[in-house]
Amino acid sequence: MDTPTPQWVTLAEVVRPRGNRGELLCVDLSKGPDRYLELGKVIVFDAAQQELGTFPVEEAWLHQDQLILKFAGINSISDAERLRGGEVRIPFSQRAPLPPGEYYLSDLPGCAVVDDSTGAPLGIVAAALEMPGSNLIELETGTLIPLTRAICPVIDPANRLIRATLPDGLLELNRN
């Protein structure tokens, strides 16, 4: 199963205007203000998935653990108000590179899961689920597998492969 590459990555959600200079209070889904400054510009989409524009990032900082963004050309409360509820995105190709051994959950759907000791196929990842504690992968069969290094010692999205050592009874548990 090949999963299509998404076109966009959402980095933040605009909550509301903040201050009177056109700043925006946002929910940060990225790695903090420096990421926005590195990018230089971002694209904002509204709730209907319509592009509202490309905006150079003038400033980005945390205020009481909340992300504040200031875009060039957004200089008043009324300018900022039109971006309320929007999503700050970048093209998928601009995702931050990861260190070796790390991966994005969004890269796991479509990976083959095989038994680490026998190589027997266990299924294809239908979804990767971010959960408190341990993330999960869901196979096309509905089987849920904890995404831990103890259970999945090899996670290789570049080669579309996950090797798993399933605990006794996990497959049966998922069938009930």
N, C-alpha and C. Protein backbone atom coordinates (compact mmCIF):
# COMPACT_ATOMS: atom_id res chain seq x y z
N MET A 1 0.84 -1.19 0.00
CA MET A 1 0.00 0.00 0.00
C MET A 1 0.88 1.23 0.00
N ASP A 2 0.78 2.05 -1.01
CA ASP A 2 1.51 3.31 -1.04
C ASP A 2 0.58 4.41 -0.56
N THR A 3 1.08 5.19 0.39
CA THR A 3 0.28 6.31 0.87
C THR A 3 0.80 7.56 0.17
N PRO A 4 -0.10 8.42 -0.31
CA PRO A 4 0.35 9.62 -1.01
C PRO A 4 1.07 10.57 -0.05
N THR A 5 2.08 11.24 -0.57
CA THR A 5 2.80 12.23 0.23
C THR A 5 1.91 13.45 0.40
N PRO A 6 1.73 13.90 1.65
CA PRO A 6 0.91 15.10 1.83
C PRO A 6 1.59 16.30 1.19
N GLN A 7 0.80 17.28 0.85
CA GLN A 7 1.34 18.48 0.23
C GLN A 7 1.84 19.48 1.28
N TRP A 8 1.19 19.49 2.45
CA TRP A 8 1.48 20.49 3.47
C TRP A 8 1.73 19.85 4.82
N VAL A 9 2.48 20.57 5.66
CA VAL A 9 2.68 20.20 7.06
C VAL A 9 2.22 21.39 7.89
N THR A 10 1.33 21.15 8.85
CA THR A 10 0.85 22.21 9.73
C THR A 10 1.82 22.36 10.89
N LEU A 11 2.33 23.58 11.08
CA LEU A 11 3.27 23.87 12.16
C LEU A 11 2.61 24.54 13.36
N ALA A 12 1.50 25.24 13.13
CA ALA A 12 0.84 25.96 14.23
C ALA A 12 -0.61 26.21 13.86
N GLU A 13 -1.41 26.40 14.91
CA GLU A 13 -2.81 26.81 14.74
C GLU A 13 -2.96 28.19 15.34
N VAL A 14 -3.55 29.09 14.58
CA VAL A 14 -3.76 30.46 15.05
C VAL A 14 -4.98 30.48 15.97
N VAL A 15 -4.77 30.95 17.20
CA VAL A 15 -5.87 31.01 18.16
C VAL A 15 -6.60 32.34 18.02
N ARG A 16 -5.82 33.45 18.09
CA ARG A 16 -6.44 34.78 18.05
C ARG A 16 -5.36 35.84 17.92
N PRO A 17 -5.78 37.07 17.60
CA PRO A 17 -4.82 38.18 17.64
C PRO A 17 -4.33 38.39 19.07
N ARG A 18 -3.14 38.93 19.18
CA ARG A 18 -2.57 39.25 20.48
C ARG A 18 -1.86 40.58 20.35
N GLY A 19 -2.20 41.52 21.19
CA GLY A 19 -1.59 42.85 21.11
C GLY A 19 -2.21 43.66 19.99
N ASN A 20 -1.66 44.86 19.80
CA ASN A 20 -2.25 45.75 18.79
C ASN A 20 -1.34 45.98 17.57
N ARG A 21 -0.28 45.18 17.45
CA ARG A 21 0.63 45.31 16.31
C ARG A 21 0.44 44.21 15.28
N GLY A 22 -0.60 43.38 15.44
CA GLY A 22 -0.84 42.31 14.48
C GLY A 22 -0.22 40.99 14.86
N GLU A 23 0.22 40.86 16.12
CA GLU A 23 0.77 39.58 16.55
C GLU A 23 -0.34 38.54 16.67
N LEU A 24 0.06 37.27 16.60
CA LEU A 24 -0.89 36.17 16.67
C LEU A 24 -0.50 35.20 17.79
N LEU A 25 -1.46 34.87 18.62
CA LEU A 25 -1.28 33.82 19.63
C LEU A 25 -1.57 32.50 18.94
N CYS A 26 -0.63 31.55 19.02
CA CYS A 26 -0.75 30.29 18.27
C CYS A 26 -0.50 29.09 19.17
N VAL A 27 -1.03 27.96 18.76
CA VAL A 27 -0.69 26.67 19.35
C VAL A 27 0.44 26.11 18.49
N ASP A 28 1.60 25.93 19.11
CA ASP A 28 2.78 25.46 18.39
C ASP A 28 2.75 23.95 18.24
N LEU A 29 2.81 23.46 17.01
CA LEU A 29 2.87 22.03 16.74
C LEU A 29 4.26 21.63 16.26
N SER A 30 5.18 22.58 16.36
CA SER A 30 6.54 22.37 15.87
C SER A 30 7.50 22.35 17.05
N LYS A 31 8.68 22.86 16.85
CA LYS A 31 9.72 22.80 17.87
C LYS A 31 10.10 24.18 18.40
N GLY A 32 9.14 25.06 18.49
CA GLY A 32 9.42 26.36 19.09
C GLY A 32 9.67 27.46 18.08
N PRO A 33 9.85 28.68 18.59
CA PRO A 33 9.92 29.87 17.75
C PRO A 33 11.07 29.87 16.75
N ASP A 34 12.19 29.26 17.09
CA ASP A 34 13.34 29.29 16.18
C ASP A 34 13.02 28.65 14.84
N ARG A 35 12.17 27.64 14.84
CA ARG A 35 11.83 26.97 13.58
C ARG A 35 11.18 27.94 12.59
N TYR A 36 10.32 28.81 13.07
CA TYR A 36 9.63 29.77 12.20
C TYR A 36 10.61 30.81 11.66
N LEU A 37 11.55 31.21 12.50
CA LEU A 37 12.56 32.17 12.05
C LEU A 37 13.49 31.53 11.01
N GLU A 38 13.84 30.25 11.19
CA GLU A 38 14.66 29.53 10.21
C GLU A 38 13.97 29.47 8.85
N LEU A 39 12.67 29.21 8.87
CA LEU A 39 11.91 29.07 7.62
C LEU A 39 11.83 30.38 6.86
N GLY A 40 11.68 31.48 7.59
CA GLY A 40 11.60 32.78 6.95
C GLY A 40 10.21 33.17 6.49
N LYS A 41 9.48 32.22 5.90
CA LYS A 41 8.11 32.50 5.49
C LYS A 41 7.26 31.25 5.63
N VAL A 42 5.97 31.47 5.82
CA VAL A 42 5.01 30.39 6.00
C VAL A 42 3.75 30.73 5.22
N ILE A 43 2.89 29.74 5.06
CA ILE A 43 1.62 29.92 4.36
C ILE A 43 0.51 29.69 5.38
N VAL A 44 -0.51 30.54 5.36
CA VAL A 44 -1.63 30.39 6.29
C VAL A 44 -2.87 30.00 5.50
N PHE A 45 -3.57 28.96 6.00
CA PHE A 45 -4.81 28.47 5.42
C PHE A 45 -5.94 28.71 6.41
N ASP A 46 -7.14 28.96 5.89
CA ASP A 46 -8.30 29.11 6.78
C ASP A 46 -8.94 27.75 7.04
N ALA A 47 -10.00 27.73 7.83
CA ALA A 47 -10.67 26.49 8.21
C ALA A 47 -11.26 25.75 7.01
N ALA A 48 -11.55 26.48 5.94
CA ALA A 48 -12.09 25.86 4.72
C ALA A 48 -10.98 25.40 3.78
N GLN A 49 -9.72 25.37 4.27
CA GLN A 49 -8.55 24.94 3.49
C GLN A 49 -8.21 25.88 2.35
N GLN A 50 -8.65 27.13 2.44
CA GLN A 50 -8.31 28.12 1.43
C GLN A 50 -7.04 28.85 1.87
N GLU A 51 -6.13 29.04 0.94
CA GLU A 51 -4.89 29.73 1.25
C GLU A 51 -5.16 31.21 1.45
N LEU A 52 -4.73 31.72 2.61
CA LEU A 52 -4.92 33.14 2.91
C LEU A 52 -3.71 33.97 2.51
N GLY A 53 -2.59 33.33 2.30
CA GLY A 53 -1.41 34.05 1.85
C GLY A 53 -0.12 33.47 2.38
N THR A 54 0.96 33.92 1.76
CA THR A 54 2.31 33.59 2.21
C THR A 54 2.83 34.78 2.98
N PHE A 55 3.35 34.52 4.18
CA PHE A 55 3.76 35.60 5.06
C PHE A 55 5.20 35.43 5.53
N PRO A 56 6.04 36.44 5.31
CA PRO A 56 7.37 36.43 5.92
C PRO A 56 7.22 36.54 7.44
N VAL A 57 8.01 35.74 8.16
CA VAL A 57 7.98 35.76 9.62
C VAL A 57 8.92 36.86 10.10
N GLU A 58 8.35 37.90 10.72
CA GLU A 58 9.17 38.98 11.27
C GLU A 58 9.73 38.62 12.64
N GLU A 59 8.87 38.06 13.48
CA GLU A 59 9.26 37.71 14.84
C GLU A 59 8.52 36.45 15.26
N ALA A 60 9.15 35.71 16.17
CA ALA A 60 8.52 34.52 16.76
C ALA A 60 9.13 34.37 18.15
N TRP A 61 8.27 34.23 19.15
CA TRP A 61 8.76 34.09 20.52
C TRP A 61 7.71 33.41 21.38
N LEU A 62 8.15 32.98 22.54
CA LEU A 62 7.23 32.40 23.52
C LEU A 62 6.90 33.44 24.57
N HIS A 63 5.62 33.53 24.91
CA HIS A 63 5.15 34.37 26.00
C HIS A 63 4.31 33.48 26.90
N GLN A 64 4.79 33.26 28.12
CA GLN A 64 4.12 32.36 29.06
C GLN A 64 3.83 31.00 28.41
N ASP A 65 4.85 30.46 27.78
CA ASP A 65 4.80 29.14 27.11
C ASP A 65 3.82 29.08 25.94
N GLN A 66 3.43 30.22 25.42
CA GLN A 66 2.57 30.23 24.23
C GLN A 66 3.31 30.91 23.09
N LEU A 67 3.16 30.34 21.89
CA LEU A 67 3.83 30.86 20.71
C LEU A 67 3.16 32.14 20.22
N ILE A 68 3.98 33.17 19.99
CA ILE A 68 3.51 34.41 19.38
C ILE A 68 4.25 34.57 18.06
N LEU A 69 3.49 34.78 16.99
CA LEU A 69 4.07 35.02 15.67
C LEU A 69 3.70 36.41 15.20
N LYS A 70 4.65 37.06 14.54
CA LYS A 70 4.41 38.37 13.92
C LYS A 70 4.84 38.24 12.47
N PHE A 71 3.87 38.45 11.55
CA PHE A 71 4.14 38.35 10.12
C PHE A 71 4.26 39.74 9.51
N ALA A 72 5.12 39.86 8.50
CA ALA A 72 5.23 41.10 7.73
C ALA A 72 3.89 41.36 7.05
N GLY A 73 3.44 42.60 7.08
CA GLY A 73 2.18 42.98 6.44
C GLY A 73 0.96 42.79 7.31
N ILE A 74 1.09 42.17 8.46
CA ILE A 74 0.00 42.03 9.42
C ILE A 74 0.35 42.96 10.57
N ASN A 75 -0.24 44.16 10.55
CA ASN A 75 0.21 45.22 11.44
C ASN A 75 -0.85 45.76 12.39
N SER A 76 -2.03 45.15 12.39
CA SER A 76 -3.09 45.65 13.28
C SER A 76 -3.93 44.47 13.77
N ILE A 77 -4.77 44.77 14.74
CA ILE A 77 -5.68 43.75 15.25
C ILE A 77 -6.60 43.26 14.14
N SER A 78 -7.09 44.17 13.33
CA SER A 78 -8.02 43.76 12.26
C SER A 78 -7.29 42.92 11.19
N ASP A 79 -6.03 43.23 10.89
CA ASP A 79 -5.26 42.39 9.97
C ASP A 79 -5.12 40.98 10.54
N ALA A 80 -4.78 40.91 11.82
CA ALA A 80 -4.56 39.63 12.48
C ALA A 80 -5.87 38.85 12.62
N GLU A 81 -6.96 39.55 12.81
CA GLU A 81 -8.25 38.89 13.02
C GLU A 81 -8.64 38.00 11.84
N ARG A 82 -8.28 38.39 10.64
CA ARG A 82 -8.66 37.58 9.47
C ARG A 82 -7.90 36.25 9.42
N LEU A 83 -6.85 36.09 10.25
CA LEU A 83 -6.11 34.83 10.30
C LEU A 83 -6.55 33.94 11.47
N ARG A 84 -7.46 34.44 12.29
CA ARG A 84 -7.96 33.66 13.44
C ARG A 84 -8.49 32.31 12.96
N GLY A 85 -8.11 31.25 13.68
CA GLY A 85 -8.56 29.91 13.33
C GLY A 85 -7.81 29.27 12.18
N GLY A 86 -6.82 29.98 11.65
CA GLY A 86 -6.07 29.45 10.52
C GLY A 86 -4.99 28.46 10.94
N GLU A 87 -4.41 27.84 9.95
CA GLU A 87 -3.29 26.92 10.17
C GLU A 87 -2.06 27.48 9.47
N VAL A 88 -0.96 27.50 10.19
CA VAL A 88 0.33 27.93 9.65
C VAL A 88 1.00 26.69 9.09
N ARG A 89 1.28 26.70 7.78
CA ARG A 89 1.81 25.52 7.11
C ARG A 89 3.06 25.83 6.31
N ILE A 90 3.75 24.75 5.98
CA ILE A 90 4.87 24.80 5.04
C ILE A 90 4.70 23.65 4.07
N PRO A 91 5.35 23.73 2.90
CA PRO A 91 5.32 22.56 2.01
C PRO A 91 5.96 21.36 2.69
N PHE A 92 5.44 20.18 2.40
CA PHE A 92 5.94 18.94 2.98
C PHE A 92 7.45 18.80 2.81
N SER A 93 7.96 19.28 1.68
CA SER A 93 9.39 19.16 1.37
C SER A 93 10.26 19.97 2.33
N GLN A 94 9.66 20.88 3.10
CA GLN A 94 10.44 21.71 4.02
C GLN A 94 10.41 21.20 5.47
N ARG A 95 9.91 19.99 5.68
CA ARG A 95 9.94 19.44 7.04
C ARG A 95 11.38 19.45 7.55
N ALA A 96 11.52 19.60 8.85
CA ALA A 96 12.84 19.60 9.46
C ALA A 96 13.47 18.22 9.32
N PRO A 97 14.76 18.17 8.96
CA PRO A 97 15.41 16.86 8.90
C PRO A 97 15.55 16.29 10.31
N LEU A 98 15.52 14.97 10.41
CA LEU A 98 15.61 14.30 11.70
C LEU A 98 16.97 13.64 11.85
N PRO A 99 17.41 13.51 13.09
CA PRO A 99 18.67 12.77 13.32
C PRO A 99 18.49 11.30 12.95
N PRO A 100 19.59 10.61 12.66
CA PRO A 100 19.50 9.18 12.34
C PRO A 100 18.78 8.42 13.45
N GLY A 101 17.92 7.48 13.05
CA GLY A 101 17.20 6.66 14.01
C GLY A 101 15.87 7.26 14.44
N GLU A 102 15.60 8.50 14.06
CA GLU A 102 14.31 9.11 14.38
C GLU A 102 13.45 9.13 13.13
N TYR A 103 12.14 9.29 13.32
CA TYR A 103 11.21 9.24 12.20
C TYR A 103 9.98 10.08 12.54
N TYR A 104 9.25 10.45 11.52
CA TYR A 104 7.96 11.11 11.68
C TYR A 104 6.89 10.02 11.68
N LEU A 105 5.91 10.12 12.58
CA LEU A 105 4.80 9.17 12.59
C LEU A 105 4.09 9.16 11.24
N SER A 106 4.02 10.32 10.59
CA SER A 106 3.32 10.41 9.31
C SER A 106 4.00 9.62 8.21
N ASP A 107 5.25 9.18 8.43
CA ASP A 107 5.96 8.39 7.43
C ASP A 107 5.71 6.89 7.56
N LEU A 108 5.01 6.46 8.62
CA LEU A 108 4.86 5.03 8.87
C LEU A 108 3.72 4.34 8.12
N PRO A 109 2.57 5.00 7.86
CA PRO A 109 1.54 4.30 7.08
C PRO A 109 2.09 3.81 5.74
N GLY A 110 1.76 2.57 5.43
CA GLY A 110 2.24 1.94 4.21
C GLY A 110 3.47 1.07 4.43
N CYS A 111 4.11 1.18 5.61
CA CYS A 111 5.26 0.33 5.90
C CYS A 111 4.82 -1.11 6.14
N ALA A 112 5.62 -2.05 5.67
CA ALA A 112 5.38 -3.47 5.95
C ALA A 112 5.91 -3.77 7.35
N VAL A 113 5.16 -4.55 8.11
CA VAL A 113 5.59 -4.99 9.43
C VAL A 113 5.86 -6.49 9.34
N VAL A 114 7.07 -6.87 9.73
CA VAL A 114 7.45 -8.28 9.66
C VAL A 114 7.95 -8.75 11.03
N ASP A 115 7.82 -10.04 11.28
CA ASP A 115 8.33 -10.64 12.52
C ASP A 115 9.85 -10.54 12.49
N ASP A 116 10.43 -10.00 13.56
CA ASP A 116 11.86 -9.75 13.59
C ASP A 116 12.68 -11.03 13.55
N SER A 117 12.18 -12.11 14.11
CA SER A 117 12.98 -13.34 14.14
C SER A 117 12.78 -14.22 12.91
N THR A 118 11.58 -14.23 12.34
CA THR A 118 11.31 -15.13 11.21
C THR A 118 11.20 -14.41 9.86
N GLY A 119 10.94 -13.10 9.89
CA GLY A 119 10.72 -12.37 8.65
C GLY A 119 9.33 -12.53 8.09
N ALA A 120 8.47 -13.27 8.82
CA ALA A 120 7.09 -13.49 8.35
C ALA A 120 6.32 -12.17 8.36
N PRO A 121 5.53 -11.91 7.33
CA PRO A 121 4.76 -10.67 7.30
C PRO A 121 3.66 -10.66 8.37
N LEU A 122 3.54 -9.53 9.04
CA LEU A 122 2.48 -9.35 10.04
C LEU A 122 1.38 -8.43 9.53
N GLY A 123 1.71 -7.58 8.56
CA GLY A 123 0.72 -6.68 7.99
C GLY A 123 1.34 -5.38 7.49
N ILE A 124 0.46 -4.49 7.09
CA ILE A 124 0.85 -3.18 6.58
C ILE A 124 0.29 -2.12 7.53
N VAL A 125 1.10 -1.12 7.83
CA VAL A 125 0.65 -0.05 8.73
C VAL A 125 -0.41 0.78 8.02
N ALA A 126 -1.59 0.86 8.64
CA ALA A 126 -2.67 1.69 8.12
C ALA A 126 -2.62 3.08 8.75
N ALA A 127 -2.19 3.15 10.03
CA ALA A 127 -2.15 4.43 10.74
C ALA A 127 -1.12 4.37 11.85
N ALA A 128 -0.54 5.51 12.15
CA ALA A 128 0.33 5.66 13.31
C ALA A 128 -0.38 6.61 14.26
N LEU A 129 -0.55 6.16 15.50
CA LEU A 129 -1.37 6.89 16.45
C LEU A 129 -0.51 7.45 17.58
N GLU A 130 -0.57 8.77 17.76
CA GLU A 130 0.15 9.40 18.86
C GLU A 130 -0.68 9.25 20.12
N MET A 131 -0.10 8.60 21.11
CA MET A 131 -0.82 8.30 22.34
C MET A 131 0.03 8.74 23.53
N PRO A 132 -0.63 9.00 24.68
CA PRO A 132 0.17 9.25 25.87
C PRO A 132 0.92 7.96 26.25
N GLY A 133 2.12 8.10 26.67
CA GLY A 133 2.91 6.92 27.05
C GLY A 133 3.63 6.35 25.85
N SER A 134 2.97 5.51 25.07
CA SER A 134 3.60 4.86 23.92
C SER A 134 2.71 5.04 22.70
N ASN A 135 3.31 5.44 21.60
CA ASN A 135 2.57 5.54 20.35
C ASN A 135 2.23 4.13 19.87
N LEU A 136 1.27 4.04 18.97
CA LEU A 136 0.82 2.76 18.42
C LEU A 136 0.84 2.82 16.91
N ILE A 137 1.02 1.65 16.29
CA ILE A 137 0.74 1.53 14.86
C ILE A 137 -0.47 0.61 14.75
N GLU A 138 -1.32 0.93 13.81
CA GLU A 138 -2.49 0.10 13.52
C GLU A 138 -2.29 -0.53 12.16
N LEU A 139 -2.36 -1.84 12.13
CA LEU A 139 -2.25 -2.55 10.86
C LEU A 139 -3.58 -2.51 10.13
N GLU A 140 -3.55 -2.82 8.84
CA GLU A 140 -4.78 -2.83 8.04
C GLU A 140 -5.81 -3.79 8.61
N THR A 141 -5.38 -4.79 9.36
CA THR A 141 -6.28 -5.77 9.96
C THR A 141 -6.94 -5.24 11.24
N GLY A 142 -6.51 -4.08 11.70
CA GLY A 142 -7.02 -3.52 12.94
C GLY A 142 -6.13 -3.83 14.14
N THR A 143 -5.13 -4.64 13.95
CA THR A 143 -4.20 -4.99 15.04
C THR A 143 -3.43 -3.75 15.47
N LEU A 144 -3.37 -3.55 16.79
CA LEU A 144 -2.61 -2.43 17.36
C LEU A 144 -1.32 -2.96 17.95
N ILE A 145 -0.20 -2.29 17.61
CA ILE A 145 1.12 -2.69 18.10
C ILE A 145 1.78 -1.48 18.75
N PRO A 146 2.22 -1.62 20.01
CA PRO A 146 2.95 -0.51 20.64
C PRO A 146 4.23 -0.20 19.86
N LEU A 147 4.47 1.06 19.65
CA LEU A 147 5.63 1.51 18.87
C LEU A 147 6.77 1.83 19.83
N THR A 148 7.31 0.77 20.44
CA THR A 148 8.44 0.91 21.35
C THR A 148 9.63 0.18 20.75
N ARG A 149 10.83 0.57 21.14
CA ARG A 149 12.03 -0.10 20.62
C ARG A 149 12.10 -1.55 21.08
N ALA A 150 11.52 -1.87 22.24
CA ALA A 150 11.52 -3.26 22.72
C ALA A 150 10.68 -4.15 21.80
N ILE A 151 9.58 -3.61 21.27
CA ILE A 151 8.69 -4.39 20.41
C ILE A 151 9.03 -4.20 18.94
N CYS A 152 9.39 -2.99 18.58
CA CYS A 152 9.75 -2.68 17.19
C CYS A 152 11.20 -2.18 17.14
N PRO A 153 12.16 -3.11 17.17
CA PRO A 153 13.57 -2.69 17.23
C PRO A 153 14.07 -2.03 15.95
N VAL A 154 13.42 -2.29 14.82
CA VAL A 154 13.82 -1.68 13.56
C VAL A 154 12.62 -0.93 12.99
N ILE A 155 12.75 0.38 12.91
CA ILE A 155 11.73 1.23 12.31
C ILE A 155 12.43 2.00 11.21
N ASP A 156 12.17 1.61 9.97
CA ASP A 156 12.92 2.12 8.82
C ASP A 156 11.97 2.63 7.74
N PRO A 157 11.40 3.83 7.94
CA PRO A 157 10.43 4.33 6.96
C PRO A 157 11.04 4.54 5.57
N ALA A 158 12.32 4.82 5.48
CA ALA A 158 12.94 5.03 4.17
C ALA A 158 12.83 3.76 3.31
N ASN A 159 12.92 2.60 3.96
CA ASN A 159 12.80 1.33 3.25
C ASN A 159 11.42 0.69 3.43
N ARG A 160 10.49 1.47 4.03
CA ARG A 160 9.09 1.05 4.20
C ARG A 160 8.99 -0.24 5.00
N LEU A 161 9.79 -0.37 6.10
CA LEU A 161 9.88 -1.61 6.85
C LEU A 161 9.92 -1.37 8.35
N ILE A 162 9.17 -2.17 9.09
CA ILE A 162 9.23 -2.20 10.55
C ILE A 162 9.37 -3.67 10.94
N ARG A 163 10.39 -3.96 11.74
CA ARG A 163 10.59 -5.32 12.25
C ARG A 163 10.08 -5.34 13.68
N ALA A 164 9.24 -6.34 14.01
CA ALA A 164 8.59 -6.38 15.32
C ALA A 164 8.78 -7.74 15.99
N THR A 165 8.94 -7.69 17.30
CA THR A 165 8.94 -8.88 18.14
C THR A 165 7.73 -8.74 19.04
N LEU A 166 6.65 -9.41 18.66
CA LEU A 166 5.40 -9.24 19.38
C LEU A 166 5.37 -10.07 20.66
N PRO A 167 4.90 -9.49 21.75
CA PRO A 167 4.74 -10.26 22.99
C PRO A 167 3.71 -11.37 22.77
N ASP A 168 3.90 -12.47 23.48
CA ASP A 168 2.94 -13.58 23.40
C ASP A 168 1.53 -13.07 23.69
N GLY A 169 0.59 -13.46 22.85
CA GLY A 169 -0.81 -13.13 23.07
C GLY A 169 -1.27 -11.81 22.47
N LEU A 170 -0.34 -11.00 21.92
CA LEU A 170 -0.76 -9.68 21.40
C LEU A 170 -1.71 -9.82 20.22
N LEU A 171 -1.43 -10.72 19.30
CA LEU A 171 -2.32 -10.88 18.14
C LEU A 171 -3.69 -11.38 18.58
N GLU A 172 -3.73 -12.31 19.52
CA GLU A 172 -5.00 -12.84 20.02
C GLU A 172 -5.79 -11.75 20.74
N LEU A 173 -5.09 -10.93 21.51
CA LEU A 173 -5.75 -9.83 22.24
C LEU A 173 -6.44 -8.89 21.27
N ASN A 174 -5.82 -8.62 20.15
CA ASN A 174 -6.39 -7.71 19.15
C ASN A 174 -7.57 -8.32 18.41
N ARG A 175 -7.66 -9.63 18.40
CA ARG A 175 -8.77 -10.29 17.69
C ARG A 175 -10.06 -10.27 18.50
N ASN A 176 -9.95 -10.03 19.80
CA ASN A 176 -11.14 -10.03 20.68
C ASN A 176 -11.83 -8.70 20.68
